[in-house]
Amino acid sequence: MGYSFAARHGRATIGITALVLAQAGCAPSTSSTPAPISVARAAAGVTRAPFGTTSDGRAVEIFTLTNAHGVEARITNYGAIIVSLKTPDRAGNFDDITLGYDSLSGYLRDTPYFGAVVGRVGNRIARGMFTLDGVTYHLAINNGVNTLHGGLRGFDKVVWAPEPFQNSTGAGLTLTYTSADMEEGYPGALSTKVTYTLNDQDQLIVDYQATTTKATPVNLTQHSYWNLSGSAKRDILGHVLMINADGMTPVDSTLIPTGEIAPVAGTPFDFRTPTAIGARVDQRQNQQIRFGGGYDHNFVLNRGAAAADSMVLAASVTEPGSGRTMSVYTMEPGVQFYSGNFLDGSNVGKGGHVYHYRYGLVLETQHYPDSPNHPQFPNTILRPGQQYHTRTMFSFGVAR
């Protein structure tokens, strides 16, 4: 399975939850589908406002997308970051379900990629090296002995050019950035476009597109930390998670895949049936749990007969206290589930909320980590003349 290029994208893949599931040939793993959000209608659209200035004097903005139900996503063009996303609980009370900061200054400090688009290659590359077409490239090392999320100055730390829009599809924001040839050690000038669309089906759709001047690895993903309790009221251990995967990619002690695909059956990684995150997260007798300090692993999604350019259900999450639900659909072959193991209370976020240990979960739809060094993994190499395009959708609801 490789990337989907432009020639293969003649049909739309945006749809309501039932349509996406029908196209993917899969069904919800819960006994009943969560009800869509239904509250008093609000003025839908896009607004923009200043959000601060970078250390080199570049002005940054924040854009607020609102749908007809009052669901609100606030996105900044620094790092293409989702700053906040507000949805209602079962009583109709809106609250923010992402971790982050009230102002740009928080994101300019060392932060764990709250809400950002990461690239040019998300996740880890072993020892910061890969060989492509006979040439070995050396990348910036920023995670122990490895490269993580694009390097020292990845896509999460650059200012993107913004273009808000509103059309029949929804309210949205298109962000563009060109990564120069050899930026962070990667070959080729990569012209990148990320489009966020919030529609009236309470879905936030993220489209990624790119072209390159030289062959280069590309693996873009969205790194929001979710806490469906709202305003990070409590940890995420009570969230009930389903991951549509029979297998996962085991890692070594530095969290680099070994190259194997291991079955999840009979292990703490079996989320095929909805399970509380906290049920098995500390089973330290499992070597993979020890290596990750909990969950920080790539799951190999069940795609069945679905085409490479179609959406499949990757994961679903329910927070029993609030009733909020989130389902994730994607064209990607994998999803990295991270249980906030490195949050330690040092990050004071929006509204003065302290982000303690395991107060956020991340579901990064992606190609597998370290793919350039594992030819048996799905291909991440984009070449001149090809169009990189992948889509992920976050669908929000309420369990009655």
Protein backbone atom coordinates (compact mmCIF):
# COMPACT_ATOMS: atom_id res chain seq x y z
CA MET A 1 0.00 0.00 0.00
CA GLY A 2 1.43 3.36 -0.99
CA TYR A 3 0.29 6.92 -1.08
CA SER A 4 -2.71 7.97 -3.14
CA PHE A 5 -1.67 10.26 -5.94
CA ALA A 6 -3.73 12.81 -7.86
CA ALA A 7 -4.73 10.51 -10.69
CA ARG A 8 -6.59 8.34 -8.21
CA HIS A 9 -8.68 11.09 -6.67
CA GLY A 10 -11.52 11.57 -9.08
CA ARG A 11 -14.19 10.92 -6.45
CA ALA A 12 -14.99 12.65 -3.19
CA THR A 13 -14.45 10.79 0.04
CA ILE A 14 -16.21 13.15 2.43
CA GLY A 15 -19.48 11.74 3.73
CA ILE A 16 -21.58 11.15 6.78
CA THR A 17 -20.49 8.45 9.17
CA ALA A 18 -22.76 5.73 7.72
CA LEU A 19 -21.57 6.42 4.17
CA VAL A 20 -17.92 6.29 5.16
CA LEU A 21 -18.45 2.99 6.94
CA ALA A 22 -20.32 1.55 3.98
CA GLN A 23 -17.52 2.52 1.60
CA ALA A 24 -14.97 1.02 3.96
CA GLY A 25 -16.87 -2.24 4.40
CA CYS A 26 -16.86 -2.02 8.18
CA ALA A 27 -19.39 -1.36 10.89
CA PRO A 28 -19.31 0.43 14.21
CA SER A 29 -17.91 -1.71 16.98
CA THR A 30 -20.38 -0.43 19.56
CA SER A 31 -23.93 -1.73 19.84
CA SER A 32 -25.41 1.62 18.86
CA THR A 33 -24.10 4.51 16.83
CA PRO A 34 -23.56 7.67 18.94
CA ALA A 35 -26.14 10.33 18.27
CA PRO A 36 -24.96 13.33 16.24
CA ILE A 37 -24.71 16.60 18.08
CA SER A 38 -28.01 18.46 18.04
CA VAL A 39 -28.18 21.82 19.80
CA ALA A 40 -29.45 25.32 19.11
CA ARG A 41 -28.20 26.60 15.77
CA ALA A 42 -25.43 29.21 15.72
CA ALA A 43 -23.99 31.49 13.07
CA ALA A 44 -21.69 29.34 10.94
CA GLY A 45 -18.59 30.75 9.30
CA VAL A 46 -14.96 31.80 9.70
CA THR A 47 -13.44 34.70 11.60
CA ARG A 48 -9.80 35.73 11.97
CA ALA A 49 -7.86 37.66 14.62
CA PRO A 50 -4.25 38.39 15.64
CA PHE A 51 -2.60 35.69 17.77
CA GLY A 52 0.85 37.12 18.48
CA THR A 53 4.27 37.51 16.92
CA THR A 54 7.13 35.04 16.53
CA SER A 55 10.61 35.74 17.86
CA ASP A 56 11.68 36.84 14.38
CA GLY A 57 8.81 39.33 14.11
CA ARG A 58 6.33 37.37 11.98
CA ALA A 59 2.67 38.08 12.71
CA VAL A 60 0.54 35.04 13.46
CA GLU A 61 -3.26 34.80 13.26
CA ILE A 62 -5.96 32.58 14.71
CA PHE A 63 -9.03 31.47 12.75
CA THR A 64 -12.32 30.37 14.28
CA LEU A 65 -14.44 27.90 12.30
CA THR A 66 -18.04 27.45 13.48
CA ASN A 67 -20.73 25.13 12.15
CA ALA A 68 -24.53 25.39 12.31
CA HIS A 69 -24.64 23.47 15.61
CA GLY A 70 -22.16 25.72 17.37
CA VAL A 71 -19.22 23.33 17.20
CA GLU A 72 -16.13 25.54 17.10
CA ALA A 73 -12.55 24.89 15.98
CA ARG A 74 -9.86 27.54 16.54
CA ILE A 75 -6.76 27.06 14.37
CA THR A 76 -3.59 29.14 14.09
CA ASN A 77 -1.29 29.38 11.11
CA TYR A 78 1.70 28.82 13.40
CA GLY A 79 2.32 25.10 13.11
CA ALA A 80 -1.15 24.59 11.57
CA ILE A 81 -2.17 24.04 15.21
CA ILE A 82 -5.68 23.23 16.40
CA VAL A 83 -5.73 25.52 19.44
CA SER A 84 -9.16 24.46 20.68
CA LEU A 85 -12.18 22.46 19.63
CA LYS A 86 -15.48 22.88 21.48
CA THR A 87 -18.29 20.33 21.40
CA PRO A 88 -21.29 19.78 23.70
CA ASP A 89 -21.71 17.05 26.28
CA ARG A 90 -24.92 15.05 26.68
CA ALA A 91 -26.51 17.99 28.53
CA GLY A 92 -25.66 20.37 25.70
CA ASN A 93 -22.84 22.16 27.53
CA PHE A 94 -19.95 23.14 25.27
CA ASP A 95 -16.35 22.67 26.38
CA ASP A 96 -12.88 22.46 24.88
CA ILE A 97 -11.70 18.89 24.18
CA THR A 98 -8.08 19.59 23.15
CA LEU A 99 -4.94 20.49 25.08
CA GLY A 100 -3.02 23.65 24.26
CA TYR A 101 -2.37 27.28 25.20
CA ASP A 102 -4.32 30.54 25.31
CA SER A 103 -1.65 32.49 23.41
CA LEU A 104 1.14 32.01 20.90
CA SER A 105 3.81 32.35 23.58
CA GLY A 106 2.92 28.94 24.97
CA TYR A 107 3.53 27.28 21.62
CA LEU A 108 6.83 29.10 21.14
CA ARG A 109 8.22 27.34 24.20
CA ASP A 110 9.18 23.67 24.18
CA THR A 111 5.80 21.92 24.00
CA PRO A 112 4.85 18.33 23.18
CA TYR A 113 3.37 19.16 19.74
CA PHE A 114 -0.03 20.19 21.13
CA GLY A 115 -2.50 20.35 18.23
CA ALA A 116 0.14 20.66 15.50
CA VAL A 117 0.61 19.26 12.02
CA VAL A 118 3.92 17.42 12.17
CA GLY A 119 6.27 16.75 9.25
CA ARG A 120 7.84 16.52 6.83
CA VAL A 121 7.95 13.03 8.34
CA GLY A 122 5.81 12.43 11.40
CA ASN A 123 6.93 9.97 14.05
CA ARG A 124 10.48 8.59 14.38
CA ILE A 125 13.34 7.85 12.00
CA ALA A 126 16.04 5.61 13.46
CA ARG A 127 19.35 7.31 14.22
CA GLY A 128 18.27 10.21 12.00
CA MET A 129 19.32 8.43 8.82
CA PHE A 130 17.80 6.88 5.72
CA THR A 131 19.09 5.90 2.28
CA LEU A 132 17.15 6.84 -0.84
CA ASP A 133 18.23 6.05 -4.41
CA GLY A 134 21.73 5.21 -3.18
CA VAL A 135 22.22 8.43 -1.19
CA THR A 136 22.30 8.44 2.63
CA TYR A 137 20.68 11.45 4.26
CA HIS A 138 21.42 12.63 7.80
CA LEU A 139 18.69 14.38 9.75
CA ALA A 140 18.61 16.46 12.92
CA ILE A 141 18.52 14.30 16.07
CA ASN A 142 15.92 15.54 18.54
CA ASN A 143 14.57 12.48 20.39
CA GLY A 144 17.30 10.51 22.12
CA VAL A 145 19.28 8.96 19.26
CA ASN A 146 16.44 9.40 16.76
CA THR A 147 14.65 12.04 14.69
CA LEU A 148 11.08 12.80 15.75
CA HIS A 149 8.31 14.69 13.91
CA GLY A 150 10.47 16.34 11.30
CA GLY A 151 13.46 17.41 13.38
CA LEU A 152 14.46 20.46 15.37
CA ARG A 153 12.28 22.81 13.34
CA GLY A 154 9.53 20.69 11.87
CA PHE A 155 6.25 21.83 10.36
CA ASP A 156 4.89 22.45 13.86
CA LYS A 157 7.30 25.39 14.27
CA VAL A 158 6.80 27.31 11.02
CA VAL A 159 4.35 30.01 9.95
CA TRP A 160 1.98 28.79 7.23
CA ALA A 161 0.25 31.04 4.68
CA PRO A 162 -3.49 31.07 5.55
CA GLU A 163 -6.57 31.27 3.33
CA PRO A 164 -9.94 30.97 5.09
CA PHE A 165 -13.02 29.92 3.12
CA GLN A 166 -16.71 29.15 3.46
CA ASN A 167 -18.64 27.16 0.87
CA SER A 168 -21.29 24.45 0.56
CA THR A 169 -18.87 21.95 2.12
CA GLY A 170 -18.41 23.93 5.32
CA ALA A 171 -16.21 26.54 6.97
CA GLY A 172 -12.51 26.01 6.51
CA LEU A 173 -8.92 27.11 6.40
CA THR A 174 -6.26 26.25 3.84
CA LEU A 175 -2.64 26.54 4.98
CA THR A 176 0.39 26.35 2.68
CA TYR A 177 4.09 26.01 3.37
CA THR A 178 7.10 25.21 1.18
CA SER A 179 9.87 23.32 2.92
CA ALA A 180 13.19 24.13 1.23
CA ASP A 181 15.47 21.52 -0.30
CA MET A 182 17.56 19.96 2.54
CA GLU A 183 15.53 21.67 5.27
CA GLU A 184 16.19 19.54 8.38
CA GLY A 185 18.19 17.26 6.08
CA TYR A 186 15.35 16.18 3.76
CA PRO A 187 15.89 16.31 -0.01
CA GLY A 188 13.65 18.28 -2.35
CA ALA A 189 11.59 21.45 -2.02
CA LEU A 190 8.26 20.19 -0.67
CA SER A 191 5.21 22.35 -1.41
CA THR A 192 2.63 21.44 1.22
CA LYS A 193 -1.05 22.28 1.67
CA VAL A 194 -3.21 21.39 4.67
CA THR A 195 -6.94 22.11 4.57
CA TYR A 196 -9.21 21.99 7.62
CA THR A 197 -12.97 21.83 6.93
CA LEU A 198 -15.63 21.90 9.66
CA ASN A 199 -19.00 20.79 8.28
CA ASP A 200 -22.56 20.63 9.60
CA GLN A 201 -22.28 16.88 10.19
CA ASP A 202 -19.98 17.78 13.11
CA GLN A 203 -16.93 16.47 11.28
CA LEU A 204 -13.52 18.11 11.10
CA ILE A 205 -11.83 16.96 7.90
CA VAL A 206 -8.09 17.34 7.40
CA ASP A 207 -6.74 17.11 3.85
CA TYR A 208 -2.99 16.96 3.21
CA GLN A 209 -1.44 17.59 -0.21
CA ALA A 210 2.17 17.93 -1.35
CA THR A 211 4.47 17.93 -4.37
CA THR A 212 8.26 17.74 -4.43
CA THR A 213 11.20 18.64 -6.65
CA LYS A 214 13.23 15.57 -5.56
CA ALA A 215 12.35 12.16 -4.19
CA THR A 216 11.71 12.50 -0.46
CA PRO A 217 9.85 10.74 2.35
CA VAL A 218 6.58 12.37 3.43
CA ASN A 219 4.36 11.33 6.34
CA LEU A 220 2.16 14.18 7.58
CA THR A 221 -0.15 13.80 10.55
CA GLN A 222 -2.19 15.75 13.08
CA HIS A 223 -0.97 15.71 16.70
CA SER A 224 -3.90 16.97 18.78
CA TYR A 225 -4.16 15.77 22.37
CA TRP A 226 -7.80 14.90 23.08
CA ASN A 227 -9.58 14.86 26.41
CA LEU A 228 -13.32 14.45 25.90
CA SER A 229 -14.13 15.28 29.52
CA GLY A 230 -13.73 18.95 28.56
CA SER A 231 -11.10 21.41 29.81
CA ALA A 232 -8.92 18.47 30.89
CA LYS A 233 -11.02 17.89 34.01
CA ARG A 234 -9.53 14.45 34.62
CA ASP A 235 -7.13 11.98 33.06
CA ILE A 236 -8.01 9.94 29.98
CA LEU A 237 -7.79 6.51 31.63
CA GLY A 238 -11.59 6.23 31.80
CA HIS A 239 -12.02 7.01 28.09
CA VAL A 240 -13.30 3.93 26.27
CA LEU A 241 -11.27 3.28 23.11
CA MET A 242 -11.75 1.08 20.07
CA ILE A 243 -8.94 0.69 17.51
CA ASN A 244 -9.80 -1.12 14.28
CA ALA A 245 -6.55 -3.12 14.10
CA ASP A 246 -5.61 -6.79 14.35
CA GLY A 247 -1.89 -5.97 14.41
CA MET A 248 0.68 -3.46 15.64
CA THR A 249 4.35 -2.73 14.96
CA PRO A 250 6.51 -3.68 17.97
CA VAL A 251 9.33 -1.28 18.87
CA ASP A 252 12.76 -1.42 20.46
CA SER A 253 13.69 0.46 23.62
CA THR A 254 14.06 3.72 21.64
CA LEU A 255 10.54 3.30 20.16
CA ILE A 256 11.78 2.40 16.67
CA PRO A 257 9.82 -0.40 14.94
CA THR A 258 11.61 -3.74 14.71
CA GLY A 259 10.05 -4.36 11.30
CA GLU A 260 7.62 -6.99 12.54
CA ILE A 261 3.84 -6.84 12.58
CA ALA A 262 2.56 -8.58 15.70
CA PRO A 263 -1.01 -9.66 16.47
CA VAL A 264 -2.78 -7.70 19.20
CA ALA A 265 -4.86 -10.70 20.32
CA GLY A 266 -4.14 -11.69 23.90
CA THR A 267 -2.09 -8.54 24.61
CA PRO A 268 -2.76 -5.13 26.23
CA PHE A 269 -2.88 -3.75 22.66
CA ASP A 270 -6.16 -5.44 21.76
CA PHE A 271 -8.67 -2.61 21.45
CA ARG A 272 -10.84 -4.32 18.84
CA THR A 273 -13.54 -4.39 21.51
CA PRO A 274 -14.09 -1.00 23.21
CA THR A 275 -11.94 -0.96 26.36
CA ALA A 276 -11.07 1.65 28.97
CA ILE A 277 -7.59 3.02 28.28
CA GLY A 278 -6.62 2.53 31.91
CA ALA A 279 -7.58 -1.14 32.00
CA ARG A 280 -4.18 -2.44 30.81
CA VAL A 281 -1.98 0.64 30.34
CA ASP A 282 0.29 -0.29 33.26
CA GLN A 283 0.79 -4.00 32.56
CA ARG A 284 4.56 -3.66 32.87
CA GLN A 285 5.11 -7.38 32.44
CA ASN A 286 4.50 -6.66 28.75
CA GLN A 287 7.78 -5.52 27.19
CA GLN A 288 6.07 -3.15 24.74
CA ILE A 289 4.21 -1.41 27.57
CA ARG A 290 7.52 -1.02 29.40
CA PHE A 291 9.26 0.43 26.35
CA GLY A 292 6.49 2.99 25.76
CA GLY A 293 5.78 3.77 29.40
CA GLY A 294 2.23 2.87 28.39
CA TYR A 295 0.84 3.18 24.87
CA ASP A 296 3.00 4.90 22.25
CA HIS A 297 2.65 2.49 19.35
CA ASN A 298 1.55 2.24 15.73
CA PHE A 299 -1.48 0.08 14.99
CA VAL A 300 -1.90 -1.57 11.57
CA LEU A 301 -5.43 -0.71 10.51
CA ASN A 302 -7.82 -3.29 9.12
CA ARG A 303 -8.59 -2.11 5.61
CA GLY A 304 -10.04 -5.34 4.21
CA ALA A 305 -10.86 -4.87 0.54
CA ALA A 306 -11.01 -1.08 0.84
CA ALA A 307 -9.07 0.76 -1.85
CA ALA A 308 -5.94 2.65 -0.83
CA ASP A 309 -7.68 5.98 -1.49
CA SER A 310 -10.79 5.23 0.57
CA MET A 311 -11.60 6.06 4.17
CA VAL A 312 -11.78 3.41 6.88
CA LEU A 313 -12.67 3.60 10.53
CA ALA A 314 -9.42 3.85 12.51
CA ALA A 315 -10.61 4.40 16.08
CA SER A 316 -13.50 5.57 18.21
CA VAL A 317 -13.47 7.09 21.70
CA THR A 318 -16.23 7.62 24.26
CA GLU A 319 -15.89 9.57 27.52
CA PRO A 320 -18.57 8.08 29.81
CA GLY A 321 -18.80 11.08 32.16
CA SER A 322 -19.60 13.68 29.52
CA GLY A 323 -21.04 11.38 26.88
CA ARG A 324 -18.83 12.94 24.22
CA THR A 325 -17.69 10.67 21.41
CA MET A 326 -15.11 10.95 18.64
CA SER A 327 -14.58 8.62 15.68
CA VAL A 328 -11.52 8.84 13.43
CA TYR A 329 -11.61 7.84 9.76
CA THR A 330 -8.59 7.88 7.49
CA MET A 331 -6.97 6.90 4.21
CA GLU A 332 -3.78 6.05 6.09
CA PRO A 333 -2.59 2.47 6.82
CA GLY A 334 -1.81 3.10 10.48
CA VAL A 335 -2.65 5.07 13.60
CA GLN A 336 -0.27 5.88 16.46
CA PHE A 337 -2.00 5.72 19.81
CA TYR A 338 -0.20 7.69 22.52
CA SER A 339 -1.61 7.78 26.05
CA GLY A 340 0.10 10.96 27.30
CA ASN A 341 2.82 9.08 29.16
CA PHE A 342 5.29 11.98 29.08
CA LEU A 343 2.90 14.65 30.37
CA ASP A 344 4.16 15.47 33.85
CA GLY A 345 2.30 18.55 35.05
CA SER A 346 4.93 21.00 33.76
CA ASN A 347 2.60 22.27 31.01
CA VAL A 348 0.08 24.83 32.26
CA GLY A 349 -2.43 25.25 29.48
CA LYS A 350 -5.61 27.08 28.57
CA GLY A 351 -7.45 28.65 31.46
CA GLY A 352 -4.62 27.74 33.83
CA HIS A 353 -5.38 24.02 33.55
CA VAL A 354 -2.38 21.85 34.47
CA TYR A 355 -1.82 18.94 32.09
CA HIS A 356 -0.92 16.12 34.41
CA TYR A 357 0.23 12.58 33.62
CA ARG A 358 -2.04 11.00 31.00
CA TYR A 359 -4.38 13.96 30.71
CA GLY A 360 -4.48 13.71 26.90
CA LEU A 361 -4.58 11.00 24.25
CA VAL A 362 -3.26 11.26 20.70
CA LEU A 363 -4.47 9.33 17.63
CA GLU A 364 -2.04 10.12 14.79
CA THR A 365 -3.19 8.68 11.48
CA GLN A 366 -0.03 7.88 9.55
CA HIS A 367 2.22 5.58 7.60
CA TYR A 368 4.30 3.43 9.92
CA PRO A 369 7.20 4.97 11.88
CA ASP A 370 10.69 4.69 10.35
CA SER A 371 9.20 3.56 7.04
CA PRO A 372 12.15 4.82 4.93
CA ASN A 373 14.30 2.19 6.68
CA HIS A 374 11.78 -0.66 6.30
CA PRO A 375 11.08 -1.48 2.63
CA GLN A 376 8.41 -3.99 3.69
CA PHE A 377 6.32 -1.19 5.21
CA PRO A 378 3.87 0.88 3.09
CA ASN A 379 5.78 3.32 0.91
CA THR A 380 6.37 6.90 2.10
CA ILE A 381 8.50 8.13 -0.83
CA LEU A 382 7.04 10.95 -2.90
CA ARG A 383 8.68 11.63 -6.27
CA PRO A 384 8.59 14.57 -8.69
CA GLY A 385 5.42 14.49 -10.79
CA GLN A 386 3.43 12.70 -8.09
CA GLN A 387 0.75 14.30 -5.93
CA TYR A 388 0.63 13.39 -2.25
CA HIS A 389 -2.92 13.42 -0.94
CA THR A 390 -4.33 11.88 2.18
CA ARG A 391 -7.38 12.64 4.31
CA THR A 392 -8.39 12.10 7.93
CA MET A 393 -11.75 12.92 9.46
CA PHE A 394 -12.66 13.45 13.12
CA SER A 395 -16.39 12.92 13.68
CA PHE A 396 -17.96 14.16 16.92
CA GLY A 397 -21.13 13.09 18.67
CA VAL A 398 -22.81 12.33 21.98
CA ALA A 399 -23.66 8.92 23.46
CA ARG A 400 -27.19 9.01 24.82
